[in-house]
PDB file of N, CA and C in Angstrom:
ATOM      1  N   UNK A   1     -80.351  -9.098 -24.718  1.00  0.00           N
ATOM      2  CA  UNK A   1     -79.777 -10.490 -24.651  1.00  0.00           C
ATOM      3  C   UNK A   1     -78.453 -10.727 -24.125  1.00  0.00           C
ATOM      4  N   UNK A   2     -77.642  -9.676 -24.436  1.00  0.00           N
ATOM      5  CA  UNK A   2     -76.192  -9.640 -23.702  1.00  0.00           C
ATOM      6  C   UNK A   2     -76.509  -9.992 -22.026  1.00  0.00           C
ATOM      7  N   UNK A   3     -77.277  -9.186 -21.572  1.00  0.00           N
ATOM      8  CA  UNK A   3     -77.578  -9.268 -19.969  1.00  0.00           C
ATOM      9  C   UNK A   3     -77.857 -10.362 -19.608  1.00  0.00           C
ATOM     10  N   UNK A   4     -78.884 -10.977 -20.481  1.00  0.00           N
ATOM     11  CA  UNK A   4     -79.261 -12.471 -20.120  1.00  0.00           C
ATOM     12  C   UNK A   4     -78.145 -13.454 -20.254  1.00  0.00           C
ATOM     13  N   UNK A   5     -77.457 -13.323 -21.100  1.00  0.00           N
ATOM     14  CA  UNK A   5     -76.313 -14.133 -21.446  1.00  0.00           C
ATOM     15  C   UNK A   5     -75.202 -14.168 -20.259  1.00  0.00           C
ATOM     16  N   UNK A   6     -74.733 -12.898 -19.743  1.00  0.00           N
ATOM     17  CA  UNK A   6     -74.087 -12.713 -18.869  1.00  0.00           C
ATOM     18  C   UNK A   6     -74.459 -13.158 -17.392  1.00  0.00           C
ATOM     19  N   UNK A   7     -75.883 -12.965 -17.343  1.00  0.00           N
ATOM     20  CA  UNK A   7     -76.371 -13.363 -16.152  1.00  0.00           C
ATOM     21  C   UNK A   7     -76.422 -14.814 -15.864  1.00  0.00           C
ATOM     22  N   UNK A   8     -76.671 -15.484 -16.934  1.00  0.00           N
ATOM     23  CA  UNK A   8     -76.572 -16.945 -17.132  1.00  0.00           C
ATOM     24  C   UNK A   8     -75.320 -17.388 -16.852  1.00  0.00           C
ATOM     25  N   UNK A   9     -74.441 -16.943 -17.589  1.00  0.00           N
ATOM     26  CA  UNK A   9     -72.815 -17.258 -17.278  1.00  0.00           C
ATOM     27  C   UNK A   9     -72.517 -17.133 -15.972  1.00  0.00           C
ATOM     28  N   UNK A  10     -72.789 -15.919 -15.343  1.00  0.00           N
ATOM     29  CA  UNK A  10     -72.229 -15.638 -13.795  1.00  0.00           C
ATOM     30  C   UNK A  10     -72.902 -16.753 -12.908  1.00  0.00           C
ATOM     31  N   UNK A  11     -74.153 -17.000 -13.341  1.00  0.00           N
ATOM     32  CA  UNK A  11     -75.162 -17.940 -12.375  1.00  0.00           C
ATOM     33  C   UNK A  11     -74.364 -19.606 -12.544  1.00  0.00           C
ATOM     34  N   UNK A  12     -74.144 -19.789 -13.665  1.00  0.00           N
ATOM     35  CA  UNK A  12     -73.195 -20.918 -13.568  1.00  0.00           C
ATOM     36  C   UNK A  12     -71.955 -21.025 -13.037  1.00  0.00           C
ATOM     37  N   UNK A  13     -71.444 -20.137 -13.130  1.00  0.00           N
ATOM     38  CA  UNK A  13     -69.901 -19.791 -12.442  1.00  0.00           C
ATOM     39  C   UNK A  13     -70.121 -20.014 -10.980  1.00  0.00           C
ATOM     40  N   UNK A  14     -71.118 -19.027 -10.498  1.00  0.00           N
ATOM     41  CA  UNK A  14     -71.197 -19.239  -8.939  1.00  0.00           C
ATOM     42  C   UNK A  14     -71.909 -20.346  -8.425  1.00  0.00           C
ATOM     43  N   UNK A  15     -72.546 -21.256  -9.210  1.00  0.00           N
ATOM     44  CA  UNK A  15     -73.245 -22.481  -8.735  1.00  0.00           C
ATOM     45  C   UNK A  15     -71.958 -23.578  -9.009  1.00  0.00           C
ATOM     46  N   UNK A  16     -71.061 -23.332  -9.832  1.00  0.00           N
ATOM     47  CA  UNK A  16     -69.738 -24.387  -9.763  1.00  0.00           C
ATOM     48  C   UNK A  16     -69.120 -24.236  -8.660  1.00  0.00           C
ATOM     49  N   UNK A  17     -69.093 -23.018  -7.556  1.00  0.00           N
ATOM     50  CA  UNK A  17     -68.336 -22.901  -6.660  1.00  0.00           C
ATOM     51  C   UNK A  17     -69.219 -23.597  -5.349  1.00  0.00           C
ATOM     52  N   UNK A  18     -70.424 -23.797  -5.433  1.00  0.00           N
ATOM     53  CA  UNK A  18     -71.217 -24.509  -4.230  1.00  0.00           C
ATOM     54  C   UNK A  18     -70.973 -25.825  -4.026  1.00  0.00           C
ATOM     55  N   UNK A  19     -71.371 -26.404  -3.061  1.00  0.00           N
ATOM     56  CA  UNK A  19     -71.369 -27.711  -2.727  1.00  0.00           C
ATOM     57  C   UNK A  19     -72.346 -28.477  -3.274  1.00  0.00           C
ATOM     58  N   UNK A  20     -72.090 -29.512  -4.028  1.00  0.00           N
ATOM     59  CA  UNK A  20     -73.066 -30.423  -4.465  1.00  0.00           C
ATOM     60  C   UNK A  20     -72.699 -31.680  -3.862  1.00  0.00           C
ATOM     61  N   UNK A  21     -73.950 -32.469  -3.868  1.00  0.00           N
ATOM     62  CA  UNK A  21     -73.491 -33.969  -3.128  1.00  0.00           C
ATOM     63  C   UNK A  21     -72.787 -34.981  -4.412  1.00  0.00           C
ATOM     64  N   UNK A  22     -72.168 -35.763  -3.789  1.00  0.00           N
ATOM     65  CA  UNK A  22     -71.224 -36.321  -4.744  1.00  0.00           C
ATOM     66  C   UNK A  22     -69.991 -35.891  -5.394  1.00  0.00           C
ATOM     67  N   UNK A  23     -69.777 -34.399  -5.144  1.00  0.00           N
ATOM     68  CA  UNK A  23     -68.570 -33.858  -5.346  1.00  0.00           C
ATOM     69  C   UNK A  23     -67.247 -34.237  -4.707  1.00  0.00           C
ATOM     70  N   UNK A  24     -66.355 -34.866  -5.559  1.00  0.00           N
ATOM     71  CA  UNK A  24     -64.893 -35.228  -4.607  1.00  0.00           C
ATOM     72  C   UNK A  24     -64.473 -34.071  -4.442  1.00  0.00           C
ATOM     73  N   UNK A  25     -63.894 -33.967  -3.100  1.00  0.00           N
ATOM     74  CA  UNK A  25     -62.893 -33.181  -2.473  1.00  0.00           C
ATOM     75  C   UNK A  25     -61.613 -33.584  -2.180  1.00  0.00           C
ATOM     76  N   UNK A  26     -60.653 -33.071  -2.562  1.00  0.00           N
ATOM     77  CA  UNK A  26     -59.372 -33.713  -2.162  1.00  0.00           C
ATOM     78  C   UNK A  26     -58.706 -33.510  -0.796  1.00  0.00           C
ATOM     79  N   UNK A  27     -57.925 -34.206  -0.197  1.00  0.00           N
ATOM     80  CA  UNK A  27     -57.096 -33.958   1.047  1.00  0.00           C
ATOM     81  C   UNK A  27     -56.268 -32.821   0.825  1.00  0.00           C
ATOM     82  N   UNK A  28     -56.051 -32.153   1.892  1.00  0.00           N
ATOM     83  CA  UNK A  28     -54.949 -31.073   1.781  1.00  0.00           C
ATOM     84  C   UNK A  28     -54.149 -31.173   2.968  1.00  0.00           C
ATOM     85  N   UNK A  29     -52.901 -31.883   2.639  1.00  0.00           N
ATOM     86  CA  UNK A  29     -51.825 -32.090   3.611  1.00  0.00           C
ATOM     87  C   UNK A  29     -50.914 -30.568   3.656  1.00  0.00           C
ATOM     88  N   UNK A  30     -50.453 -30.271   4.992  1.00  0.00           N
ATOM     89  CA  UNK A  30     -49.485 -29.417   5.094  1.00  0.00           C
ATOM     90  C   UNK A  30     -48.565 -29.628   6.217  1.00  0.00           C
ATOM     91  N   UNK A  31     -47.346 -29.178   6.045  1.00  0.00           N
ATOM     92  CA  UNK A  31     -46.490 -29.229   6.880  1.00  0.00           C
ATOM     93  C   UNK A  31     -45.444 -30.487   6.606  1.00  0.00           C
ATOM     94  N   UNK A  32     -44.709 -30.847   7.808  1.00  0.00           N
ATOM     95  CA  UNK A  32     -43.640 -31.958   7.566  1.00  0.00           C
ATOM     96  C   UNK A  32     -44.252 -33.038   8.025  1.00  0.00           C
ATOM     97  N   UNK A  33     -44.101 -34.175   7.134  1.00  0.00           N
ATOM     98  CA  UNK A  33     -44.638 -35.609   7.447  1.00  0.00           C
ATOM     99  C   UNK A  33     -43.520 -36.088   8.297  1.00  0.00           C
ATOM    100  N   UNK A  34     -43.826 -36.418   9.556  1.00  0.00           N
ATOM    101  CA  UNK A  34     -42.850 -37.150  10.545  1.00  0.00           C
ATOM    102  C   UNK A  34     -43.611 -38.428  10.656  1.00  0.00           C
ATOM    103  N   UNK A  35     -42.784 -39.609  10.575  1.00  0.00           N
ATOM    104  CA  UNK A  35     -43.358 -41.033  10.921  1.00  0.00           C
ATOM    105  C   UNK A  35     -42.792 -41.411  12.193  1.00  0.00           C
ATOM    106  N   UNK A  36     -43.382 -42.465  12.771  1.00  0.00           N
ATOM    107  CA  UNK A  36     -42.941 -43.117  14.000  1.00  0.00           C
ATOM    108  C   UNK A  36     -41.501 -43.697  13.682  1.00  0.00           C
ATOM    109  N   UNK A  37     -41.344 -44.301  12.491  1.00  0.00           N
ATOM    110  CA  UNK A  37     -39.930 -44.817  12.166  1.00  0.00           C
ATOM    111  C   UNK A  37     -38.856 -43.643  11.997  1.00  0.00           C
ATOM    112  N   UNK A  38     -39.205 -42.486  11.647  1.00  0.00           N
ATOM    113  CA  UNK A  38     -38.377 -41.471  11.791  1.00  0.00           C
ATOM    114  C   UNK A  38     -37.914 -41.031  13.200  1.00  0.00           C
ATOM    115  N   UNK A  39     -38.814 -40.871  14.006  1.00  0.00           N
ATOM    116  CA  UNK A  39     -38.655 -40.597  15.269  1.00  0.00           C
ATOM    117  C   UNK A  39     -37.981 -41.689  16.197  1.00  0.00           C
ATOM    118  N   UNK A  40     -38.222 -42.867  15.723  1.00  0.00           N
ATOM    119  CA  UNK A  40     -37.173 -43.999  16.210  1.00  0.00           C
ATOM    120  C   UNK A  40     -35.703 -44.015  16.045  1.00  0.00           C
ATOM    121  N   UNK A  41     -35.352 -43.348  14.817  1.00  0.00           N
ATOM    122  CA  UNK A  41     -33.927 -43.172  14.572  1.00  0.00           C
ATOM    123  C   UNK A  41     -32.924 -41.962  15.221  1.00  0.00           C
ATOM    124  N   UNK A  42     -33.905 -41.016  15.984  1.00  0.00           N
ATOM    125  CA  UNK A  42     -33.451 -39.995  16.594  1.00  0.00           C
ATOM    126  C   UNK A  42     -32.749 -40.685  18.086  1.00  0.00           C
ATOM    127  N   UNK A  43     -31.602 -40.139  18.358  1.00  0.00           N
ATOM    128  CA  UNK A  43     -30.965 -40.490  19.734  1.00  0.00           C
ATOM    129  C   UNK A  43     -30.486 -39.115  20.441  1.00  0.00           C
ATOM    130  N   UNK A  44     -30.634 -39.262  21.723  1.00  0.00           N
ATOM    131  CA  UNK A  44     -29.848 -37.922  22.437  1.00  0.00           C
ATOM    132  C   UNK A  44     -28.428 -37.926  22.017  1.00  0.00           C
ATOM    133  N   UNK A  45     -27.800 -36.513  21.791  1.00  0.00           N
ATOM    134  CA  UNK A  45     -26.700 -36.335  21.372  1.00  0.00           C
ATOM    135  C   UNK A  45     -26.448 -36.291  20.030  1.00  0.00           C
ATOM    136  N   UNK A  46     -27.451 -36.193  19.139  1.00  0.00           N
ATOM    137  CA  UNK A  46     -27.379 -36.044  17.786  1.00  0.00           C
ATOM    138  C   UNK A  46     -27.221 -34.588  17.461  1.00  0.00           C
ATOM    139  N   UNK A  47     -26.477 -34.444  16.486  1.00  0.00           N
ATOM    140  CA  UNK A  47     -26.055 -32.907  15.915  1.00  0.00           C
ATOM    141  C   UNK A  47     -27.642 -32.460  15.118  1.00  0.00           C
ATOM    142  N   UNK A  48     -27.506 -31.251  14.891  1.00  0.00           N
ATOM    143  CA  UNK A  48     -28.738 -30.747  14.258  1.00  0.00           C
ATOM    144  C   UNK A  48     -28.735 -31.178  12.860  1.00  0.00           C
ATOM    145  N   UNK A  49     -27.456 -31.272  12.300  1.00  0.00           N
ATOM    146  CA  UNK A  49     -27.474 -31.813  11.055  1.00  0.00           C
ATOM    147  C   UNK A  49     -28.019 -33.079  10.844  1.00  0.00           C
ATOM    148  N   UNK A  50     -27.564 -34.279  11.764  1.00  0.00           N
ATOM    149  CA  UNK A  50     -28.189 -35.572  11.854  1.00  0.00           C
ATOM    150  C   UNK A  50     -29.695 -35.526  11.920  1.00  0.00           C
ATOM    151  N   UNK A  51     -30.054 -34.616  12.755  1.00  0.00           N
ATOM    152  CA  UNK A  51     -31.452 -34.769  12.793  1.00  0.00           C
ATOM    153  C   UNK A  51     -32.144 -34.182  11.741  1.00  0.00           C
ATOM    154  N   UNK A  52     -31.488 -32.987  11.015  1.00  0.00           N
ATOM    155  CA  UNK A  52     -32.122 -32.464   9.872  1.00  0.00           C
ATOM    156  C   UNK A  52     -32.108 -33.588   8.806  1.00  0.00           C
ATOM    157  N   UNK A  53     -31.225 -34.485   8.821  1.00  0.00           N
ATOM    158  CA  UNK A  53     -31.039 -35.326   7.600  1.00  0.00           C
ATOM    159  C   UNK A  53     -32.275 -36.383   7.914  1.00  0.00           C
ATOM    160  N   UNK A  54     -32.527 -36.652   9.074  1.00  0.00           N
ATOM    161  CA  UNK A  54     -33.540 -37.749   9.247  1.00  0.00           C
ATOM    162  C   UNK A  54     -34.972 -37.142   8.988  1.00  0.00           C
ATOM    163  N   UNK A  55     -35.255 -36.006   9.678  1.00  0.00           N
ATOM    164  CA  UNK A  55     -36.653 -35.312   9.609  1.00  0.00           C
ATOM    165  C   UNK A  55     -36.791 -34.274   8.751  1.00  0.00           C
ATOM    166  N   UNK A  56     -35.622 -33.734   8.141  1.00  0.00           N
ATOM    167  CA  UNK A  56     -35.798 -32.759   7.319  1.00  0.00           C
ATOM    168  C   UNK A  56     -35.835 -31.297   7.754  1.00  0.00           C
ATOM    169  N   UNK A  57     -36.060 -30.208   7.195  1.00  0.00           N
ATOM    170  CA  UNK A  57     -35.930 -28.818   7.846  1.00  0.00           C
ATOM    171  C   UNK A  57     -37.139 -28.492   8.638  1.00  0.00           C
ATOM    172  N   UNK A  58     -37.173 -28.294   9.883  1.00  0.00           N
ATOM    173  CA  UNK A  58     -38.319 -27.944  10.575  1.00  0.00           C
ATOM    174  C   UNK A  58     -39.210 -27.040  10.097  1.00  0.00           C
ATOM    175  N   UNK A  59     -40.395 -27.023  10.049  1.00  0.00           N
ATOM    176  CA  UNK A  59     -41.500 -26.034   9.503  1.00  0.00           C
ATOM    177  C   UNK A  59     -41.501 -24.886  10.408  1.00  0.00           C
ATOM    178  N   UNK A  60     -41.054 -24.893  11.548  1.00  0.00           N
ATOM    179  CA  UNK A  60     -41.370 -23.568  12.438  1.00  0.00           C
ATOM    180  C   UNK A  60     -40.044 -23.285  13.058  1.00  0.00           C
ATOM    181  N   UNK A  61     -39.559 -22.234  12.768  1.00  0.00           N
ATOM    182  CA  UNK A  61     -38.133 -21.794  13.508  1.00  0.00           C
ATOM    183  C   UNK A  61     -38.873 -20.748  14.880  1.00  0.00           C
ATOM    184  N   UNK A  62     -38.216 -21.325  15.902  1.00  0.00           N
ATOM    185  CA  UNK A  62     -38.783 -20.414  17.162  1.00  0.00           C
ATOM    186  C   UNK A  62     -37.845 -19.239  17.178  1.00  0.00           C
ATOM    187  N   UNK A  63     -38.239 -18.058  16.978  1.00  0.00           N
ATOM    188  CA  UNK A  63     -37.460 -16.785  16.950  1.00  0.00           C
ATOM    189  C   UNK A  63     -36.815 -16.603  18.246  1.00  0.00           C
ATOM    190  N   UNK A  64     -37.485 -17.058  19.393  1.00  0.00           N
ATOM    191  CA  UNK A  64     -37.081 -16.890  20.643  1.00  0.00           C
ATOM    192  C   UNK A  64     -35.932 -17.716  21.124  1.00  0.00           C
ATOM    193  N   UNK A  65     -36.016 -19.022  20.341  1.00  0.00           N
ATOM    194  CA  UNK A  65     -35.081 -20.071  20.900  1.00  0.00           C
ATOM    195  C   UNK A  65     -34.670 -21.052  19.842  1.00  0.00           C
ATOM    196  N   UNK A  66     -33.350 -20.564  19.326  1.00  0.00           N
ATOM    197  CA  UNK A  66     -32.807 -21.038  18.233  1.00  0.00           C
ATOM    198  C   UNK A  66     -32.721 -22.857  18.462  1.00  0.00           C
ATOM    199  N   UNK A  67     -32.719 -23.172  19.798  1.00  0.00           N
ATOM    200  CA  UNK A  67     -32.352 -24.336  20.198  1.00  0.00           C
ATOM    201  C   UNK A  67     -33.639 -25.489  20.291  1.00  0.00           C
ATOM    202  N   UNK A  68     -34.737 -24.764  19.544  1.00  0.00           N
ATOM    203  CA  UNK A  68     -36.207 -25.524  19.703  1.00  0.00           C
ATOM    204  C   UNK A  68     -36.793 -25.618  18.189  1.00  0.00           C
ATOM    205  N   UNK A  69     -36.735 -27.016  17.580  1.00  0.00           N
ATOM    206  CA  UNK A  69     -37.342 -27.055  16.578  1.00  0.00           C
ATOM    207  C   UNK A  69     -38.784 -27.934  16.568  1.00  0.00           C
ATOM    208  N   UNK A  70     -39.615 -27.309  15.720  1.00  0.00           N
ATOM    209  CA  UNK A  70     -41.096 -27.641  15.734  1.00  0.00           C
ATOM    210  C   UNK A  70     -41.395 -28.261  14.359  1.00  0.00           C
ATOM    211  N   UNK A  71     -41.985 -29.449  14.421  1.00  0.00           N
ATOM    212  CA  UNK A  71     -42.312 -29.938  13.249  1.00  0.00           C
ATOM    213  C   UNK A  71     -43.729 -30.348  13.332  1.00  0.00           C
ATOM    214  N   UNK A  72     -44.728 -29.851  12.359  1.00  0.00           N
ATOM    215  CA  UNK A  72     -45.896 -29.740  12.456  1.00  0.00           C
ATOM    216  C   UNK A  72     -46.647 -30.230  11.234  1.00  0.00           C
ATOM    217  N   UNK A  73     -47.598 -31.164  11.202  1.00  0.00           N
ATOM    218  CA  UNK A  73     -48.018 -31.819  10.138  1.00  0.00           C
ATOM    219  C   UNK A  73     -49.811 -31.930  10.251  1.00  0.00           C
ATOM    220  N   UNK A  74     -50.229 -31.257   9.476  1.00  0.00           N
ATOM    221  CA  UNK A  74     -51.866 -31.412   9.461  1.00  0.00           C
ATOM    222  C   UNK A  74     -52.328 -31.919   8.153  1.00  0.00           C
ATOM    223  N   UNK A  75     -53.631 -32.335   7.939  1.00  0.00           N
ATOM    224  CA  UNK A  75     -54.149 -32.800   6.989  1.00  0.00           C
ATOM    225  C   UNK A  75     -55.728 -32.533   7.233  1.00  0.00           C
ATOM    226  N   UNK A  76     -56.584 -31.965   6.141  1.00  0.00           N
ATOM    227  CA  UNK A  76     -57.820 -31.686   6.103  1.00  0.00           C
ATOM    228  C   UNK A  76     -58.282 -32.693   4.927  1.00  0.00           C
ATOM    229  N   UNK A  77     -58.896 -33.638   5.399  1.00  0.00           N
ATOM    230  CA  UNK A  77     -59.568 -34.522   4.552  1.00  0.00           C
ATOM    231  C   UNK A  77     -60.828 -33.891   3.817  1.00  0.00           C
ATOM    232  N   UNK A  78     -60.976 -34.541   2.835  1.00  0.00           N
ATOM    233  CA  UNK A  78     -62.298 -34.169   1.921  1.00  0.00           C
ATOM    234  C   UNK A  78     -63.740 -33.983   2.750  1.00  0.00           C
ATOM    235  N   UNK A  79     -63.641 -34.384   3.798  1.00  0.00           N
ATOM    236  CA  UNK A  79     -64.970 -34.388   4.630  1.00  0.00           C
ATOM    237  C   UNK A  79     -65.003 -32.918   5.430  1.00  0.00           C
ATOM    238  N   UNK A  80     -63.895 -32.427   5.766  1.00  0.00           N
ATOM    239  CA  UNK A  80     -63.502 -31.315   6.570  1.00  0.00           C
ATOM    240  C   UNK A  80     -62.973 -31.433   7.698  1.00  0.00           C
ATOM    241  N   UNK A  81     -62.692 -33.015   8.141  1.00  0.00           N
ATOM    242  CA  UNK A  81     -61.961 -33.143   9.280  1.00  0.00           C
ATOM    243  C   UNK A  81     -60.539 -32.774   9.133  1.00  0.00           C
ATOM    244  N   UNK A  82     -59.927 -31.957  10.254  1.00  0.00           N
ATOM    245  CA  UNK A  82     -58.613 -31.817  10.308  1.00  0.00           C
ATOM    246  C   UNK A  82     -57.847 -32.947  11.416  1.00  0.00           C
ATOM    247  N   UNK A  83     -56.833 -33.297  11.040  1.00  0.00           N
ATOM    248  CA  UNK A  83     -56.037 -34.081  11.994  1.00  0.00           C
ATOM    249  C   UNK A  83     -54.576 -33.433  11.967  1.00  0.00           C
ATOM    250  N   UNK A  84     -54.081 -33.373  13.371  1.00  0.00           N
ATOM    251  CA  UNK A  84     -52.656 -32.561  13.339  1.00  0.00           C
ATOM    252  C   UNK A  84     -51.684 -33.604  14.266  1.00  0.00           C
ATOM    253  N   UNK A  85     -50.490 -33.622  13.778  1.00  0.00           N
ATOM    254  CA  UNK A  85     -49.602 -33.905  14.330  1.00  0.00           C
ATOM    255  C   UNK A  85     -48.281 -33.041  14.747  1.00  0.00           C
ATOM    256  N   UNK A  86     -47.616 -33.129  16.063  1.00  0.00           N
ATOM    257  CA  UNK A  86     -46.625 -32.110  16.155  1.00  0.00           C
ATOM    258  C   UNK A  86     -45.558 -32.910  16.960  1.00  0.00           C
ATOM    259  N   UNK A  87     -44.330 -32.489  16.742  1.00  0.00           N
ATOM    260  CA  UNK A  87     -43.190 -32.885  17.651  1.00  0.00           C
ATOM    261  C   UNK A  87     -42.129 -31.799  17.790  1.00  0.00           C
ATOM    262  N   UNK A  88     -41.773 -31.440  19.002  1.00  0.00           N
ATOM    263  CA  UNK A  88     -40.956 -30.425  19.080  1.00  0.00           C
ATOM    264  C   UNK A  88     -39.579 -30.999  19.697  1.00  0.00           C
ATOM    265  N   UNK A  89     -38.370 -30.654  19.252  1.00  0.00           N
ATOM    266  CA  UNK A  89     -37.000 -31.165  19.644  1.00  0.00           C
ATOM    267  C   UNK A  89     -36.221 -30.109  20.189  1.00  0.00           C
ATOM    268  N   UNK A  90     -35.408 -30.335  21.142  1.00  0.00           N
ATOM    269  CA  UNK A  90     -34.799 -29.137  22.041  1.00  0.00           C
ATOM    270  C   UNK A  90     -33.197 -29.811  22.039  1.00  0.00           C
ATOM    271  N   UNK A  91     -32.399 -28.942  21.619  1.00  0.00           N
ATOM    272  CA  UNK A  91     -31.071 -28.957  21.608  1.00  0.00           C
ATOM    273  C   UNK A  91     -30.287 -28.464  22.733  1.00  0.00           C
ATOM    274  N   UNK A  92     -29.162 -28.686  23.189  1.00  0.00           N
ATOM    275  CA  UNK A  92     -28.299 -28.013  24.150  1.00  0.00           C
ATOM    276  C   UNK A  92     -26.932 -28.126  23.532  1.00  0.00           C
ATOM    277  N   UNK A  93     -26.225 -26.999  23.469  1.00  0.00           N
ATOM    278  CA  UNK A  93     -24.825 -27.201  23.096  1.00  0.00           C
ATOM    279  C   UNK A  93     -24.888 -28.099  21.511  1.00  0.00           C
ATOM    280  N   UNK A  94     -25.630 -27.813  20.842  1.00  0.00           N
ATOM    281  CA  UNK A  94     -25.898 -28.083  19.593  1.00  0.00           C
ATOM    282  C   UNK A  94     -25.783 -29.944  19.602  1.00  0.00           C
ATOM    283  N   UNK A  95     -26.445 -30.417  20.658  1.00  0.00           N
ATOM    284  CA  UNK A  95     -26.954 -31.851  20.765  1.00  0.00           C
ATOM    285  C   UNK A  95     -28.292 -32.032  21.214  1.00  0.00           C
ATOM    286  N   UNK A  96     -28.952 -32.845  20.550  1.00  0.00           N
ATOM    287  CA  UNK A  96     -30.287 -33.342  20.791  1.00  0.00           C
ATOM    288  C   UNK A  96     -30.490 -33.825  22.160  1.00  0.00           C
ATOM    289  N   UNK A  97     -31.163 -33.197  23.144  1.00  0.00           N
ATOM    290  CA  UNK A  97     -31.507 -33.675  24.431  1.00  0.00           C
ATOM    291  C   UNK A  97     -32.685 -34.077  24.906  1.00  0.00           C
ATOM    292  N   UNK A  98     -33.768 -33.547  24.078  1.00  0.00           N
ATOM    293  CA  UNK A  98     -35.278 -34.136  24.465  1.00  0.00           C
ATOM    294  C   UNK A  98     -36.100 -33.843  23.319  1.00  0.00           C
ATOM    295  N   UNK A  99     -37.379 -34.496  23.346  1.00  0.00           N
ATOM    296  CA  UNK A  99     -38.446 -34.258  22.267  1.00  0.00           C
ATOM    297  C   UNK A  99     -39.744 -34.271  23.200  1.00  0.00           C
ATOM    298  N   UNK A 100     -40.678 -33.632  22.424  1.00  0.00           N
ATOM    299  CA  UNK A 100     -42.178 -33.763  22.991  1.00  0.00           C
ATOM    300  C   UNK A 100     -43.143 -33.479  21.939  1.00  0.00           C
ATOM    301  N   UNK A 101     -44.240 -34.169  22.139  1.00  0.00           N
ATOM    302  CA  UNK A 101     -45.139 -33.871  21.273  1.00  0.00           C
ATOM    303  C   UNK A 101     -46.057 -35.195  21.116  1.00  0.00           C
ATOM    304  N   UNK A 102     -46.492 -35.624  20.008  1.00  0.00           N
ATOM    305  CA  UNK A 102     -47.274 -36.627  19.715  1.00  0.00           C
ATOM    306  C   UNK A 102     -46.769 -37.988  19.204  1.00  0.00           C
ATOM    307  N   UNK A 103     -45.446 -37.749  19.473  1.00  0.00           N
ATOM    308  CA  UNK A 103     -44.552 -39.184  19.034  1.00  0.00           C
ATOM    309  C   UNK A 103     -43.667 -39.408  20.127  1.00  0.00           C
ATOM    310  N   UNK A 104     -43.447 -40.670  20.497  1.00  0.00           N
ATOM    311  CA  UNK A 104     -42.496 -41.092  21.459  1.00  0.00           C
ATOM    312  C   UNK A 104     -41.563 -42.197  20.974  1.00  0.00           C
ATOM    313  N   UNK A 105     -40.304 -42.083  21.312  1.00  0.00           N
ATOM    314  CA  UNK A 105     -39.247 -43.026  20.681  1.00  0.00           C
ATOM    315  C   UNK A 105     -39.431 -44.215  21.233  1.00  0.00           C
ATOM    316  N   UNK A 106     -39.602 -45.266  20.253  1.00  0.00           N
ATOM    317  CA  UNK A 106     -39.894 -46.922  20.465  1.00  0.00           C
ATOM    318  C   UNK A 106     -41.433 -46.991  20.682  1.00  0.00           C
ATOM    319  N   UNK A 107     -42.064 -45.935  20.370  1.00  0.00           N
ATOM    320  CA  UNK A 107     -43.629 -46.489  20.471  1.00  0.00           C
ATOM    321  C   UNK A 107     -44.187 -47.049  19.313  1.00  0.00           C
ATOM    322  N   UNK A 108     -45.196 -47.762  19.456  1.00  0.00           N
ATOM    323  CA  UNK A 108     -45.786 -48.421  18.392  1.00  0.00           C
ATOM    324  C   UNK A 108     -46.726 -47.142  17.498  1.00  0.00           C
ATOM    325  N   UNK A 109     -46.544 -47.247  16.255  1.00  0.00           N
ATOM    326  CA  UNK A 109     -47.477 -46.125  15.557  1.00  0.00           C
ATOM    327  C   UNK A 109     -48.943 -46.307  15.796  1.00  0.00           C
ATOM    328  N   UNK A 110     -49.664 -45.324  16.078  1.00  0.00           N
ATOM    329  CA  UNK A 110     -50.956 -45.258  16.230  1.00  0.00           C
ATOM    330  C   UNK A 110     -51.709 -44.704  15.122  1.00  0.00           C
ATOM    331  N   UNK A 111     -52.770 -44.995  14.787  1.00  0.00           N
ATOM    332  CA  UNK A 111     -53.584 -44.731  13.593  1.00  0.00           C
ATOM    333  C   UNK A 111     -54.558 -43.545  14.089  1.00  0.00           C
ATOM    334  N   UNK A 112     -54.428 -42.199  13.529  1.00  0.00           N
ATOM    335  CA  UNK A 112     -55.236 -41.112  13.901  1.00  0.00           C
ATOM    336  C   UNK A 112     -56.262 -41.054  13.248  1.00  0.00           C
ATOM    337  N   UNK A 113     -56.355 -41.754  12.067  1.00  0.00           N
ATOM    338  CA  UNK A 113     -57.733 -41.454  11.316  1.00  0.00           C
ATOM    339  C   UNK A 113     -58.412 -42.930  11.069  1.00  0.00           C
TER     340      UNK A 113
END
């Protein structure tokens, strides 16, 4: 009787982990949220502390170049689709000189989803 009860309990627990239609799945965001409005506030010549105030601490520190900051944001929605945005900032002599990635200063925000 004990074995049957343990088997049924184990089967129910395993079944609870499988995918059933209609089960709600949450979105999973990771990284730094960077908006077009935040990027529009950036100006050449800004100090790292000014940039950090606007964008927050970068997610990735480049161990080969301390003058490059990478901000990466990804979200995996409940359907399993992954969306990713990134921006890299470059400093020279503790001043912001350029950026690259999915955002452009002064650009209108695009919807990625």
